[in-house]
Amino acid sequence: MAHLYFTSVEAGFWSLKHYVNWIIKNESGFPLWETCLTNFYDSSNWEVIVITRRLFVTLIALLTEFSVNQHPETKAPMEDLRIPYEQAYNGKYGKSIYKTIVYVQKEEEIFASASEKMRNNHSKKLRLLEMQPNPLTLDMPEAWYRINIWRTVDIAFSDIPYIYVIGGEKVGLTSSERKNRYRSLPNIGPIQRKAIGKKGDAYVRKIGSTSTDRVASEAGPKWQGMHSIKLMKESGLSLPRTLEDGFIHLADKVKFAEEKLRKLNVIGFVHAGAVLIRVNLDYPAGYVCRYTRGNPLEVYSDVKNFSKSLDVLIEIIYAKHLVLQTMKVVNDPVDNNSNVTRWKQQ
């Protein structure tokens, strides 16, 4: 006969942790935590509540009577999928793939969870402002800002399935695709060597059968003004070319359909110390690409200006919103007429 605890919970939603808590609360005679606090603060002579050894013996006896055979039958059809996934992927990626495919959360829950993590990470920056000396006032290297300040970008995109932030001077996939687009196998002479794409400081990359760069980033160790040589080269020459390669790649994904081309947005970030600039490449008019550069936003070193530092958080969330919109346009299924037309051409 099942224990009284299992009659009070829905089948399949019990756990040993909850069972022990239920025993402590209802059958063991242990005082509740709220009761301990009340008695402690209301006591005039500050008596300490001591749980006698007899209560521990009672709890151990109750747990000893609990048998594995008393577990109720659980209906967990999703659990049957775990072993095939782990076996198919040799146990290396099976667990992560199983969680991604089976345990799908609602979109608003995912967004709320990621936003909460971003707020927590941004609030931790207050600890940096309390350090002596303040690290934001020192000449810190680029890697320090990448780890301590711009980790918010990693957290912002961490809830999107198969999307990862790749950092550390990696080769851009779309840039490599452009440089090798007309590479062929010659009849005479050696084969042309594969060209290496342009390297960037960070990419928001979709991992899968066909990997794609969604966001590109260029970074520098310090802010030297809007007209510094490094900023003008990266935001005016290097990053626009990278975003153009990404836009052409996405345009090829949608078969250069004009109604979809007008909705595409390719996002980029320029990091210079504790300053962030968001850039955007889109195609709203249908005949020319538009490259826009936002205002520089700073994570201030003075705690009095911390409210202004929240503008950086809003900018990253808005960039994520544009990326999700673009992914929705690219992944939007075509109608049946387009399918029939494509099949006839094969």
C-alpha atoms as a PDB file:
ATOM      1  CA  MET A   1       0.000   0.000   0.000  1.00  0.00           C
ATOM      2  CA  ALA A   2       1.377   3.398  -0.993  1.00  0.00           C
ATOM      3  CA  HIS A   3       2.259   5.937   1.646  1.00  0.00           C
ATOM      4  CA  LEU A   4      -0.152   8.777   2.415  1.00  0.00           C
ATOM      5  CA  TYR A   5       2.280  11.198   0.752  1.00  0.00           C
ATOM      6  CA  PHE A   6       1.708   9.680  -2.690  1.00  0.00           C
ATOM      7  CA  THR A   7      -2.051  10.143  -2.442  1.00  0.00           C
ATOM      8  CA  SER A   8      -1.575  13.909  -2.055  1.00  0.00           C
ATOM      9  CA  VAL A   9       0.598  14.427  -5.143  1.00  0.00           C
ATOM     10  CA  GLU A  10      -0.117  13.884  -8.778  1.00  0.00           C
ATOM     11  CA  ALA A  11       1.252  10.679 -10.258  1.00  0.00           C
ATOM     12  CA  GLY A  12       4.679  11.151 -11.752  1.00  0.00           C
ATOM     13  CA  PHE A  13       5.539  14.353  -9.866  1.00  0.00           C
ATOM     14  CA  TRP A  14       6.963  12.986  -6.615  1.00  0.00           C
ATOM     15  CA  SER A  15      10.584  13.205  -5.537  1.00  0.00           C
ATOM     16  CA  LEU A  16      12.613  11.899  -2.623  1.00  0.00           C
ATOM     17  CA  LYS A  17      13.453  15.462  -1.563  1.00  0.00           C
ATOM     18  CA  HIS A  18       9.784  16.423  -1.325  1.00  0.00           C
ATOM     19  CA  TYR A  19       9.011  13.134   0.430  1.00  0.00           C
ATOM     20  CA  VAL A  20      11.594  13.813   3.153  1.00  0.00           C
ATOM     21  CA  ASN A  21      10.316  17.383   3.589  1.00  0.00           C
ATOM     22  CA  TRP A  22       6.761  16.066   3.881  1.00  0.00           C
ATOM     23  CA  ILE A  23       7.803  13.538   6.540  1.00  0.00           C
ATOM     24  CA  ILE A  24       9.641  16.216   8.529  1.00  0.00           C
ATOM     25  CA  LYS A  25       6.681  18.584   8.368  1.00  0.00           C
ATOM     26  CA  ASN A  26       3.809  16.163   9.037  1.00  0.00           C
ATOM     27  CA  GLU A  27       5.041  13.082  10.901  1.00  0.00           C
ATOM     28  CA  SER A  28       8.450  13.621  12.499  1.00  0.00           C
ATOM     29  CA  GLY A  29       7.512  16.177  15.122  1.00  0.00           C
ATOM     30  CA  PHE A  30      10.336  18.493  14.097  1.00  0.00           C
ATOM     31  CA  PRO A  31       9.621  22.189  14.710  1.00  0.00           C
ATOM     32  CA  LEU A  32       9.152  24.221  11.550  1.00  0.00           C
ATOM     33  CA  TRP A  33      11.758  26.806  10.563  1.00  0.00           C
ATOM     34  CA  GLU A  34       9.253  29.625  11.034  1.00  0.00           C
ATOM     35  CA  THR A  35       8.513  28.357  14.551  1.00  0.00           C
ATOM     36  CA  CYS A  36      12.213  28.242  15.379  1.00  0.00           C
ATOM     37  CA  LEU A  37      12.687  31.831  14.268  1.00  0.00           C
ATOM     38  CA  THR A  38       9.631  33.019  16.191  1.00  0.00           C
ATOM     39  CA  ASN A  39      10.665  31.271  19.399  1.00  0.00           C
ATOM     40  CA  PHE A  40      14.243  32.484  19.009  1.00  0.00           C
ATOM     41  CA  TYR A  41      13.446  36.166  18.584  1.00  0.00           C
ATOM     42  CA  ASP A  42      10.523  36.176  21.050  1.00  0.00           C
ATOM     43  CA  SER A  43      12.522  34.463  23.776  1.00  0.00           C
ATOM     44  CA  SER A  44      13.642  36.797  26.549  1.00  0.00           C
ATOM     45  CA  ASN A  45      16.611  34.670  27.620  1.00  0.00           C
ATOM     46  CA  TRP A  46      17.591  33.670  24.020  1.00  0.00           C
ATOM     47  CA  GLU A  47      17.074  29.973  24.577  1.00  0.00           C
ATOM     48  CA  VAL A  48      18.337  27.782  21.747  1.00  0.00           C
ATOM     49  CA  ILE A  49      15.916  25.238  20.419  1.00  0.00           C
ATOM     50  CA  VAL A  50      17.524  21.811  20.539  1.00  0.00           C
ATOM     51  CA  ILE A  51      16.164  18.954  18.476  1.00  0.00           C
ATOM     52  CA  THR A  52      16.438  15.859  20.618  1.00  0.00           C
ATOM     53  CA  ARG A  53      18.038  12.650  19.495  1.00  0.00           C
ATOM     54  CA  ARG A  54      14.677  10.888  19.788  1.00  0.00           C
ATOM     55  CA  LEU A  55      13.283  12.941  16.892  1.00  0.00           C
ATOM     56  CA  PHE A  56      16.208  11.955  14.689  1.00  0.00           C
ATOM     57  CA  VAL A  57      15.617   8.289  15.519  1.00  0.00           C
ATOM     58  CA  THR A  58      11.951   8.695  14.559  1.00  0.00           C
ATOM     59  CA  LEU A  59      12.873  10.227  11.214  1.00  0.00           C
ATOM     60  CA  ILE A  60      15.395   7.462  10.452  1.00  0.00           C
ATOM     61  CA  ALA A  61      12.817   4.808  11.295  1.00  0.00           C
ATOM     62  CA  LEU A  62      10.249   6.378   8.978  1.00  0.00           C
ATOM     63  CA  LEU A  63      12.736   6.569   6.119  1.00  0.00           C
ATOM     64  CA  THR A  64      13.777   2.962   6.735  1.00  0.00           C
ATOM     65  CA  GLU A  65      10.180   1.804   6.324  1.00  0.00           C
ATOM     66  CA  PHE A  66      10.061   3.502   2.935  1.00  0.00           C
ATOM     67  CA  SER A  67      10.615   0.850   0.269  1.00  0.00           C
ATOM     68  CA  VAL A  68      11.364   1.230  -3.393  1.00  0.00           C
ATOM     69  CA  ASN A  69       8.466  -1.103  -4.128  1.00  0.00           C
ATOM     70  CA  GLN A  70       6.093   1.490  -2.683  1.00  0.00           C
ATOM     71  CA  HIS A  71       6.807   3.925  -5.504  1.00  0.00           C
ATOM     72  CA  PRO A  72       3.671   4.593  -7.528  1.00  0.00           C
ATOM     73  CA  GLU A  73       3.703   3.799 -11.204  1.00  0.00           C
ATOM     74  CA  THR A  74       4.783   6.916 -13.091  1.00  0.00           C
ATOM     75  CA  LYS A  75       3.718   7.789 -16.583  1.00  0.00           C
ATOM     76  CA  ALA A  76       6.751   9.411 -18.182  1.00  0.00           C
ATOM     77  CA  PRO A  77       6.715   8.647 -21.922  1.00  0.00           C
ATOM     78  CA  MET A  78       9.362  11.311 -22.543  1.00  0.00           C
ATOM     79  CA  GLU A  79      11.814   9.387 -20.367  1.00  0.00           C
ATOM     80  CA  ASP A  80      11.723   6.549 -22.893  1.00  0.00           C
ATOM     81  CA  LEU A  81      13.382   8.875 -25.409  1.00  0.00           C
ATOM     82  CA  ARG A  82      16.429   9.500 -23.245  1.00  0.00           C
ATOM     83  CA  ILE A  83      18.211   6.171 -23.825  1.00  0.00           C
ATOM     84  CA  PRO A  84      17.806   6.166 -27.654  1.00  0.00           C
ATOM     85  CA  TYR A  85      19.162   9.716 -27.855  1.00  0.00           C
ATOM     86  CA  GLU A  86      22.159   8.900 -25.666  1.00  0.00           C
ATOM     87  CA  GLN A  87      22.898   5.732 -27.618  1.00  0.00           C
ATOM     88  CA  ALA A  88      22.500   7.444 -30.995  1.00  0.00           C
ATOM     89  CA  TYR A  89      24.993  10.149 -30.073  1.00  0.00           C
ATOM     90  CA  ASN A  90      27.303   7.806 -28.155  1.00  0.00           C
ATOM     91  CA  GLY A  91      26.412   9.495 -24.892  1.00  0.00           C
ATOM     92  CA  LYS A  92      28.448  12.602 -25.704  1.00  0.00           C
ATOM     93  CA  TYR A  93      25.746  15.005 -26.843  1.00  0.00           C
ATOM     94  CA  GLY A  94      22.684  12.881 -26.130  1.00  0.00           C
ATOM     95  CA  LYS A  95      21.701  14.567 -22.878  1.00  0.00           C
ATOM     96  CA  SER A  96      21.893  18.113 -24.236  1.00  0.00           C
ATOM     97  CA  ILE A  97      20.006  17.189 -27.424  1.00  0.00           C
ATOM     98  CA  TYR A  98      17.376  15.335 -25.389  1.00  0.00           C
ATOM     99  CA  LYS A  99      16.816  18.381 -23.171  1.00  0.00           C
ATOM    100  CA  THR A 100      16.636  20.721 -26.164  1.00  0.00           C
ATOM    101  CA  ILE A 101      14.151  18.617 -28.129  1.00  0.00           C
ATOM    102  CA  VAL A 102      11.951  17.172 -25.382  1.00  0.00           C
ATOM    103  CA  TYR A 103      11.830  19.816 -22.684  1.00  0.00           C
ATOM    104  CA  VAL A 104      10.678  22.752 -24.785  1.00  0.00           C
ATOM    105  CA  GLN A 105       9.632  25.765 -22.731  1.00  0.00           C
ATOM    106  CA  LYS A 106       7.210  28.440 -23.733  1.00  0.00           C
ATOM    107  CA  GLU A 107       8.700  31.408 -25.563  1.00  0.00           C
ATOM    108  CA  GLU A 108       7.715  33.927 -22.896  1.00  0.00           C
ATOM    109  CA  GLU A 109       9.213  31.709 -20.164  1.00  0.00           C
ATOM    110  CA  ILE A 110      12.501  31.396 -22.064  1.00  0.00           C
ATOM    111  CA  PHE A 111      12.702  35.146 -22.641  1.00  0.00           C
ATOM    112  CA  ALA A 112      11.883  35.884 -18.991  1.00  0.00           C
ATOM    113  CA  SER A 113      14.558  33.436 -17.827  1.00  0.00           C
ATOM    114  CA  ALA A 114      17.248  34.945 -20.061  1.00  0.00           C
ATOM    115  CA  SER A 115      16.251  38.485 -19.078  1.00  0.00           C
ATOM    116  CA  GLU A 116      16.504  37.564 -15.399  1.00  0.00           C
ATOM    117  CA  LYS A 117      20.015  36.161 -15.917  1.00  0.00           C
ATOM    118  CA  MET A 118      21.022  39.311 -17.777  1.00  0.00           C
ATOM    119  CA  ARG A 119      19.739  41.515 -14.956  1.00  0.00           C
ATOM    120  CA  ASN A 120      21.611  39.437 -12.392  1.00  0.00           C
ATOM    121  CA  ASN A 121      24.808  39.640 -14.416  1.00  0.00           C
ATOM    122  CA  HIS A 122      24.399  43.386 -14.836  1.00  0.00           C
ATOM    123  CA  SER A 123      23.777  43.833 -11.115  1.00  0.00           C
ATOM    124  CA  LYS A 124      27.008  41.945 -10.364  1.00  0.00           C
ATOM    125  CA  LYS A 125      28.868  44.773 -12.053  1.00  0.00           C
ATOM    126  CA  LEU A 126      28.122  46.799  -8.936  1.00  0.00           C
ATOM    127  CA  ARG A 127      30.742  44.686  -7.183  1.00  0.00           C
ATOM    128  CA  LEU A 128      33.315  45.938  -9.668  1.00  0.00           C
ATOM    129  CA  LEU A 129      32.425  49.508  -8.740  1.00  0.00           C
ATOM    130  CA  GLU A 130      32.980  48.715  -5.049  1.00  0.00           C
ATOM    131  CA  MET A 131      36.526  47.426  -5.590  1.00  0.00           C
ATOM    132  CA  GLN A 132      39.510  49.525  -4.583  1.00  0.00           C
ATOM    133  CA  PRO A 133      40.884  50.559  -6.970  1.00  0.00           C
ATOM    134  CA  ASN A 134      37.971  50.540  -9.371  1.00  0.00           C
ATOM    135  CA  PRO A 135      38.980  48.268 -12.308  1.00  0.00           C
ATOM    136  CA  LEU A 136      36.914  50.351 -14.747  1.00  0.00           C
ATOM    137  CA  THR A 137      39.245  53.264 -14.102  1.00  0.00           C
ATOM    138  CA  LEU A 138      42.369  51.207 -14.845  1.00  0.00           C
ATOM    139  CA  ASP A 139      44.024  50.262 -18.113  1.00  0.00           C
ATOM    140  CA  MET A 140      42.624  46.715 -18.340  1.00  0.00           C
ATOM    141  CA  PRO A 141      43.221  44.372 -21.315  1.00  0.00           C
ATOM    142  CA  GLU A 142      40.585  43.492 -23.893  1.00  0.00           C
ATOM    143  CA  ALA A 143      40.112  39.980 -22.465  1.00  0.00           C
ATOM    144  CA  TRP A 144      39.162  41.419 -19.057  1.00  0.00           C
ATOM    145  CA  TYR A 145      36.294  43.418 -20.565  1.00  0.00           C
ATOM    146  CA  ARG A 146      35.227  40.369 -22.553  1.00  0.00           C
ATOM    147  CA  ILE A 147      34.899  38.269 -19.378  1.00  0.00           C
ATOM    148  CA  ASN A 148      33.647  40.787 -16.810  1.00  0.00           C
ATOM    149  CA  ILE A 149      31.616  43.311 -18.816  1.00  0.00           C
ATOM    150  CA  TRP A 150      30.437  41.823 -22.096  1.00  0.00           C
ATOM    151  CA  ARG A 151      29.437  38.436 -20.733  1.00  0.00           C
ATOM    152  CA  THR A 152      25.929  39.909 -20.859  1.00  0.00           C
ATOM    153  CA  VAL A 153      25.925  39.287 -24.619  1.00  0.00           C
ATOM    154  CA  ASP A 154      26.652  35.588 -24.039  1.00  0.00           C
ATOM    155  CA  ILE A 155      23.803  35.311 -21.547  1.00  0.00           C
ATOM    156  CA  ALA A 156      21.370  37.186 -23.811  1.00  0.00           C
ATOM    157  CA  PHE A 157      21.671  34.596 -26.589  1.00  0.00           C
ATOM    158  CA  SER A 158      22.169  31.545 -24.365  1.00  0.00           C
ATOM    159  CA  ASP A 159      18.474  30.602 -24.314  1.00  0.00           C
ATOM    160  CA  ILE A 160      18.149  30.279 -28.114  1.00  0.00           C
ATOM    161  CA  PRO A 161      18.628  26.615 -29.131  1.00  0.00           C
ATOM    162  CA  TYR A 162      21.887  25.840 -30.954  1.00  0.00           C
ATOM    163  CA  ILE A 163      23.077  29.477 -30.696  1.00  0.00           C
ATOM    164  CA  TYR A 164      26.478  30.101 -29.111  1.00  0.00           C
ATOM    165  CA  VAL A 165      28.806  33.083 -28.757  1.00  0.00           C
ATOM    166  CA  ILE A 166      32.185  32.219 -30.284  1.00  0.00           C
ATOM    167  CA  GLY A 167      35.009  34.528 -29.215  1.00  0.00           C
ATOM    168  CA  GLY A 168      38.735  34.836 -29.646  1.00  0.00           C
ATOM    169  CA  GLU A 169      39.695  35.881 -33.202  1.00  0.00           C
ATOM    170  CA  LYS A 170      37.732  33.186 -35.032  1.00  0.00           C
ATOM    171  CA  VAL A 171      37.272  32.994 -38.796  1.00  0.00           C
ATOM    172  CA  GLY A 172      33.883  34.201 -40.023  1.00  0.00           C
ATOM    173  CA  LEU A 173      31.902  31.523 -41.854  1.00  0.00           C
ATOM    174  CA  THR A 174      30.176  33.911 -44.253  1.00  0.00           C
ATOM    175  CA  SER A 175      33.451  35.652 -45.085  1.00  0.00           C
ATOM    176  CA  SER A 176      35.086  32.312 -45.853  1.00  0.00           C
ATOM    177  CA  GLU A 177      32.121  31.363 -48.028  1.00  0.00           C
ATOM    178  CA  ARG A 178      32.463  34.572 -50.072  1.00  0.00           C
ATOM    179  CA  LYS A 179      36.179  34.118 -50.675  1.00  0.00           C
ATOM    180  CA  ASN A 180      35.709  30.518 -51.842  1.00  0.00           C
ATOM    181  CA  ARG A 181      32.473  31.021 -53.767  1.00  0.00           C
ATOM    182  CA  TYR A 182      34.080  30.627 -57.210  1.00  0.00           C
ATOM    183  CA  ARG A 183      36.661  28.040 -56.200  1.00  0.00           C
ATOM    184  CA  SER A 184      36.672  25.117 -58.631  1.00  0.00           C
ATOM    185  CA  LEU A 185      38.636  22.017 -59.524  1.00  0.00           C
ATOM    186  CA  PRO A 186      40.917  22.795 -62.498  1.00  0.00           C
ATOM    187  CA  ASN A 187      41.666  20.322 -65.268  1.00  0.00           C
ATOM    188  CA  ILE A 188      45.289  21.414 -65.539  1.00  0.00           C
ATOM    189  CA  GLY A 189      47.461  22.485 -62.662  1.00  0.00           C
ATOM    190  CA  PRO A 190      47.108  22.190 -58.894  1.00  0.00           C
ATOM    191  CA  ILE A 191      43.847  22.828 -57.111  1.00  0.00           C
ATOM    192  CA  GLN A 192      43.349  26.307 -55.762  1.00  0.00           C
ATOM    193  CA  ARG A 193      43.958  26.507 -52.054  1.00  0.00           C
ATOM    194  CA  LYS A 194      41.026  27.324 -49.838  1.00  0.00           C
ATOM    195  CA  ALA A 195      41.045  30.947 -48.712  1.00  0.00           C
ATOM    196  CA  ILE A 196      40.677  31.770 -45.036  1.00  0.00           C
ATOM    197  CA  GLY A 197      37.857  34.125 -44.153  1.00  0.00           C
ATOM    198  CA  LYS A 198      38.217  37.325 -42.197  1.00  0.00           C
ATOM    199  CA  LYS A 199      38.761  36.923 -38.493  1.00  0.00           C
ATOM    200  CA  GLY A 200      36.547  38.686 -35.979  1.00  0.00           C
ATOM    201  CA  ASP A 201      36.657  39.129 -32.234  1.00  0.00           C
ATOM    202  CA  ALA A 202      33.335  37.354 -31.604  1.00  0.00           C
ATOM    203  CA  TYR A 203      30.416  35.799 -33.467  1.00  0.00           C
ATOM    204  CA  VAL A 204      26.932  34.751 -32.416  1.00  0.00           C
ATOM    205  CA  ARG A 205      26.859  31.494 -34.337  1.00  0.00           C
ATOM    206  CA  LYS A 206      24.126  28.974 -35.060  1.00  0.00           C
ATOM    207  CA  ILE A 207      25.544  25.465 -34.757  1.00  0.00           C
ATOM    208  CA  GLY A 208      23.998  22.703 -36.845  1.00  0.00           C
ATOM    209  CA  SER A 209      24.260  20.841 -40.132  1.00  0.00           C
ATOM    210  CA  THR A 210      24.853  24.227 -41.784  1.00  0.00           C
ATOM    211  CA  SER A 211      26.374  26.692 -39.317  1.00  0.00           C
ATOM    212  CA  THR A 212      25.661  30.401 -39.770  1.00  0.00           C
ATOM    213  CA  ASP A 213      26.931  33.601 -38.161  1.00  0.00           C
ATOM    214  CA  ARG A 214      24.043  35.715 -36.840  1.00  0.00           C
ATOM    215  CA  VAL A 215      25.947  38.556 -35.144  1.00  0.00           C
ATOM    216  CA  ALA A 216      29.517  39.802 -35.621  1.00  0.00           C
ATOM    217  CA  SER A 217      31.587  41.757 -33.126  1.00  0.00           C
ATOM    218  CA  GLU A 218      34.794  43.785 -33.171  1.00  0.00           C
ATOM    219  CA  ALA A 219      36.486  44.746 -29.917  1.00  0.00           C
ATOM    220  CA  GLY A 220      39.245  46.972 -28.628  1.00  0.00           C
ATOM    221  CA  PRO A 221      40.912  47.438 -25.231  1.00  0.00           C
ATOM    222  CA  LYS A 222      40.009  51.095 -24.682  1.00  0.00           C
ATOM    223  CA  TRP A 223      37.777  53.924 -25.890  1.00  0.00           C
ATOM    224  CA  GLN A 224      39.721  56.557 -27.838  1.00  0.00           C
ATOM    225  CA  GLY A 225      36.854  58.598 -29.269  1.00  0.00           C
ATOM    226  CA  MET A 226      34.541  58.340 -32.261  1.00  0.00           C
ATOM    227  CA  HIS A 227      37.280  59.422 -34.673  1.00  0.00           C
ATOM    228  CA  SER A 228      40.055  57.095 -33.565  1.00  0.00           C
ATOM    229  CA  ILE A 229      41.758  55.095 -36.311  1.00  0.00           C
ATOM    230  CA  LYS A 230      40.799  51.687 -34.883  1.00  0.00           C
ATOM    231  CA  LEU A 231      37.137  52.604 -34.408  1.00  0.00           C
ATOM    232  CA  MET A 232      36.809  54.152 -37.869  1.00  0.00           C
ATOM    233  CA  LYS A 233      38.391  51.110 -39.519  1.00  0.00           C
ATOM    234  CA  GLU A 234      36.358  48.536 -37.616  1.00  0.00           C
ATOM    235  CA  SER A 235      32.977  50.281 -37.663  1.00  0.00           C
ATOM    236  CA  GLY A 236      33.391  51.852 -41.107  1.00  0.00           C
ATOM    237  CA  LEU A 237      35.264  49.227 -43.121  1.00  0.00           C
ATOM    238  CA  SER A 238      35.803  45.856 -41.455  1.00  0.00           C
ATOM    239  CA  LEU A 239      32.448  45.263 -39.772  1.00  0.00           C
ATOM    240  CA  PRO A 240      30.276  46.487 -42.714  1.00  0.00           C
ATOM    241  CA  ARG A 241      31.971  43.969 -45.024  1.00  0.00           C
ATOM    242  CA  THR A 242      31.377  41.182 -42.506  1.00  0.00           C
ATOM    243  CA  LEU A 243      27.715  42.143 -42.135  1.00  0.00           C
ATOM    244  CA  GLU A 244      27.357  42.299 -45.926  1.00  0.00           C
ATOM    245  CA  ASP A 245      28.650  38.732 -46.203  1.00  0.00           C
ATOM    246  CA  GLY A 246      26.128  37.662 -43.586  1.00  0.00           C
ATOM    247  CA  PHE A 247      23.303  39.470 -45.367  1.00  0.00           C
ATOM    248  CA  ILE A 248      24.101  37.830 -48.725  1.00  0.00           C
ATOM    249  CA  HIS A 249      24.196  34.440 -47.013  1.00  0.00           C
ATOM    250  CA  LEU A 250      20.744  35.003 -45.495  1.00  0.00           C
ATOM    251  CA  ALA A 251      19.442  36.365 -48.807  1.00  0.00           C
ATOM    252  CA  ASP A 252      20.499  33.142 -50.471  1.00  0.00           C
ATOM    253  CA  LYS A 253      18.641  31.225 -47.756  1.00  0.00           C
ATOM    254  CA  VAL A 254      15.374  32.984 -48.675  1.00  0.00           C
ATOM    255  CA  LYS A 255      16.077  32.633 -52.449  1.00  0.00           C
ATOM    256  CA  PHE A 256      16.389  36.437 -52.758  1.00  0.00           C
ATOM    257  CA  ALA A 257      12.635  36.876 -52.303  1.00  0.00           C
ATOM    258  CA  GLU A 258      12.064  40.632 -52.192  1.00  0.00           C
ATOM    259  CA  GLU A 259       9.352  40.571 -49.537  1.00  0.00           C
ATOM    260  CA  LYS A 260      11.725  38.681 -47.221  1.00  0.00           C
ATOM    261  CA  LEU A 261      14.819  40.679 -48.126  1.00  0.00           C
ATOM    262  CA  ARG A 262      13.138  43.827 -46.829  1.00  0.00           C
ATOM    263  CA  LYS A 263      12.701  42.182 -43.402  1.00  0.00           C
ATOM    264  CA  LEU A 264      16.264  40.934 -42.905  1.00  0.00           C
ATOM    265  CA  ASN A 265      18.471  42.575 -40.269  1.00  0.00           C
ATOM    266  CA  VAL A 266      22.109  41.710 -39.638  1.00  0.00           C
ATOM    267  CA  ILE A 267      23.433  42.985 -36.305  1.00  0.00           C
ATOM    268  CA  GLY A 268      26.966  43.849 -35.248  1.00  0.00           C
ATOM    269  CA  PHE A 269      28.647  45.120 -32.084  1.00  0.00           C
ATOM    270  CA  VAL A 270      31.666  47.362 -31.636  1.00  0.00           C
ATOM    271  CA  HIS A 271      33.268  47.059 -28.190  1.00  0.00           C
ATOM    272  CA  ALA A 272      35.851  49.576 -27.060  1.00  0.00           C
ATOM    273  CA  GLY A 273      36.691  49.038 -23.415  1.00  0.00           C
ATOM    274  CA  ALA A 274      33.445  49.588 -21.506  1.00  0.00           C
ATOM    275  CA  VAL A 275      31.712  51.262 -24.483  1.00  0.00           C
ATOM    276  CA  LEU A 276      29.270  49.484 -26.796  1.00  0.00           C
ATOM    277  CA  ILE A 277      28.057  50.575 -30.244  1.00  0.00           C
ATOM    278  CA  ARG A 278      25.387  48.598 -32.092  1.00  0.00           C
ATOM    279  CA  VAL A 279      25.461  48.629 -35.907  1.00  0.00           C
ATOM    280  CA  ASN A 280      22.807  47.328 -38.263  1.00  0.00           C
ATOM    281  CA  LEU A 281      22.670  46.311 -41.938  1.00  0.00           C
ATOM    282  CA  ASP A 282      19.242  45.971 -43.571  1.00  0.00           C
ATOM    283  CA  TYR A 283      17.512  46.288 -46.952  1.00  0.00           C
ATOM    284  CA  PRO A 284      14.275  48.246 -46.367  1.00  0.00           C
ATOM    285  CA  ALA A 285      13.952  49.998 -49.767  1.00  0.00           C
ATOM    286  CA  GLY A 286      14.543  46.889 -51.836  1.00  0.00           C
ATOM    287  CA  TYR A 287      17.344  48.277 -54.013  1.00  0.00           C
ATOM    288  CA  VAL A 288      20.228  49.332 -51.712  1.00  0.00           C
ATOM    289  CA  CYS A 289      21.593  48.151 -48.344  1.00  0.00           C
ATOM    290  CA  ARG A 290      21.426  50.550 -45.411  1.00  0.00           C
ATOM    291  CA  TYR A 291      24.171  50.584 -42.801  1.00  0.00           C
ATOM    292  CA  THR A 292      23.376  52.414 -39.565  1.00  0.00           C
ATOM    293  CA  ARG A 293      25.495  52.986 -36.478  1.00  0.00           C
ATOM    294  CA  GLY A 294      24.016  53.700 -33.073  1.00  0.00           C
ATOM    295  CA  ASN A 295      25.209  55.973 -30.327  1.00  0.00           C
ATOM    296  CA  PRO A 296      28.052  54.848 -28.037  1.00  0.00           C
ATOM    297  CA  LEU A 297      26.728  53.500 -24.732  1.00  0.00           C
ATOM    298  CA  GLU A 298      28.984  53.175 -21.713  1.00  0.00           C
ATOM    299  CA  VAL A 299      29.147  51.049 -18.596  1.00  0.00           C
ATOM    300  CA  TYR A 300      30.072  53.871 -16.221  1.00  0.00           C
ATOM    301  CA  SER A 301      32.721  53.543 -13.557  1.00  0.00           C
ATOM    302  CA  ASP A 302      30.783  55.833 -11.185  1.00  0.00           C
ATOM    303  CA  VAL A 303      28.022  54.134  -9.230  1.00  0.00           C
ATOM    304  CA  LYS A 304      25.948  57.329  -9.396  1.00  0.00           C
ATOM    305  CA  ASN A 305      25.577  56.786 -13.164  1.00  0.00           C
ATOM    306  CA  PHE A 306      24.614  53.128 -12.873  1.00  0.00           C
ATOM    307  CA  SER A 307      21.109  53.877 -14.160  1.00  0.00           C
ATOM    308  CA  LYS A 308      22.664  55.137 -17.407  1.00  0.00           C
ATOM    309  CA  SER A 309      24.586  51.871 -17.691  1.00  0.00           C
ATOM    310  CA  LEU A 310      21.251  50.083 -18.048  1.00  0.00           C
ATOM    311  CA  ASP A 311      21.012  51.554 -21.563  1.00  0.00           C
ATOM    312  CA  VAL A 312      23.612  48.964 -22.584  1.00  0.00           C
ATOM    313  CA  LEU A 313      21.335  46.195 -21.326  1.00  0.00           C
ATOM    314  CA  ILE A 314      18.379  47.562 -23.302  1.00  0.00           C
ATOM    315  CA  GLU A 315      20.513  47.812 -26.450  1.00  0.00           C
ATOM    316  CA  ILE A 316      21.562  44.153 -26.191  1.00  0.00           C
ATOM    317  CA  ILE A 317      17.970  43.014 -25.622  1.00  0.00           C
ATOM    318  CA  TYR A 318      16.806  45.006 -28.647  1.00  0.00           C
ATOM    319  CA  ALA A 319      19.580  43.471 -30.768  1.00  0.00           C
ATOM    320  CA  LYS A 320      18.436  40.021 -29.688  1.00  0.00           C
ATOM    321  CA  HIS A 321      14.869  40.926 -30.680  1.00  0.00           C
ATOM    322  CA  LEU A 322      16.043  41.864 -34.185  1.00  0.00           C
ATOM    323  CA  VAL A 323      17.994  38.611 -34.489  1.00  0.00           C
ATOM    324  CA  LEU A 324      14.923  36.580 -33.507  1.00  0.00           C
ATOM    325  CA  GLN A 325      12.818  38.441 -36.067  1.00  0.00           C
ATOM    326  CA  THR A 326      15.376  37.705 -38.793  1.00  0.00           C
ATOM    327  CA  MET A 327      15.529  34.031 -37.814  1.00  0.00           C
ATOM    328  CA  LYS A 328      11.752  33.864 -38.022  1.00  0.00           C
ATOM    329  CA  VAL A 329      11.809  35.338 -41.542  1.00  0.00           C
ATOM    330  CA  VAL A 330      14.513  32.923 -42.706  1.00  0.00           C
ATOM    331  CA  ASN A 331      12.839  29.876 -41.158  1.00  0.00           C
ATOM    332  CA  ASP A 332       9.347  30.823 -42.340  1.00  0.00           C
ATOM    333  CA  PRO A 333       8.091  27.902 -44.466  1.00  0.00           C
ATOM    334  CA  VAL A 334       7.129  28.622 -48.056  1.00  0.00           C
ATOM    335  CA  ASP A 335       3.648  27.990 -49.368  1.00  0.00           C
ATOM    336  CA  ASN A 336       2.597  24.875 -51.278  1.00  0.00           C
ATOM    337  CA  ASN A 337       2.655  26.665 -54.646  1.00  0.00           C
ATOM    338  CA  SER A 338       6.344  27.462 -54.231  1.00  0.00           C
ATOM    339  CA  ASN A 339       7.004  23.828 -53.351  1.00  0.00           C
ATOM    340  CA  VAL A 340       5.256  22.580 -56.486  1.00  0.00           C
ATOM    341  CA  THR A 341       7.145  25.089 -58.654  1.00  0.00           C
ATOM    342  CA  ARG A 342      10.468  24.035 -57.176  1.00  0.00           C
ATOM    343  CA  TRP A 343       9.702  20.345 -57.617  1.00  0.00           C
ATOM    344  CA  LYS A 344       8.845  20.836 -61.281  1.00  0.00           C
ATOM    345  CA  GLN A 345      12.203  22.490 -61.889  1.00  0.00           C
ATOM    346  CA  GLN A 346      14.158  19.538 -60.499  1.00  0.00           C
END
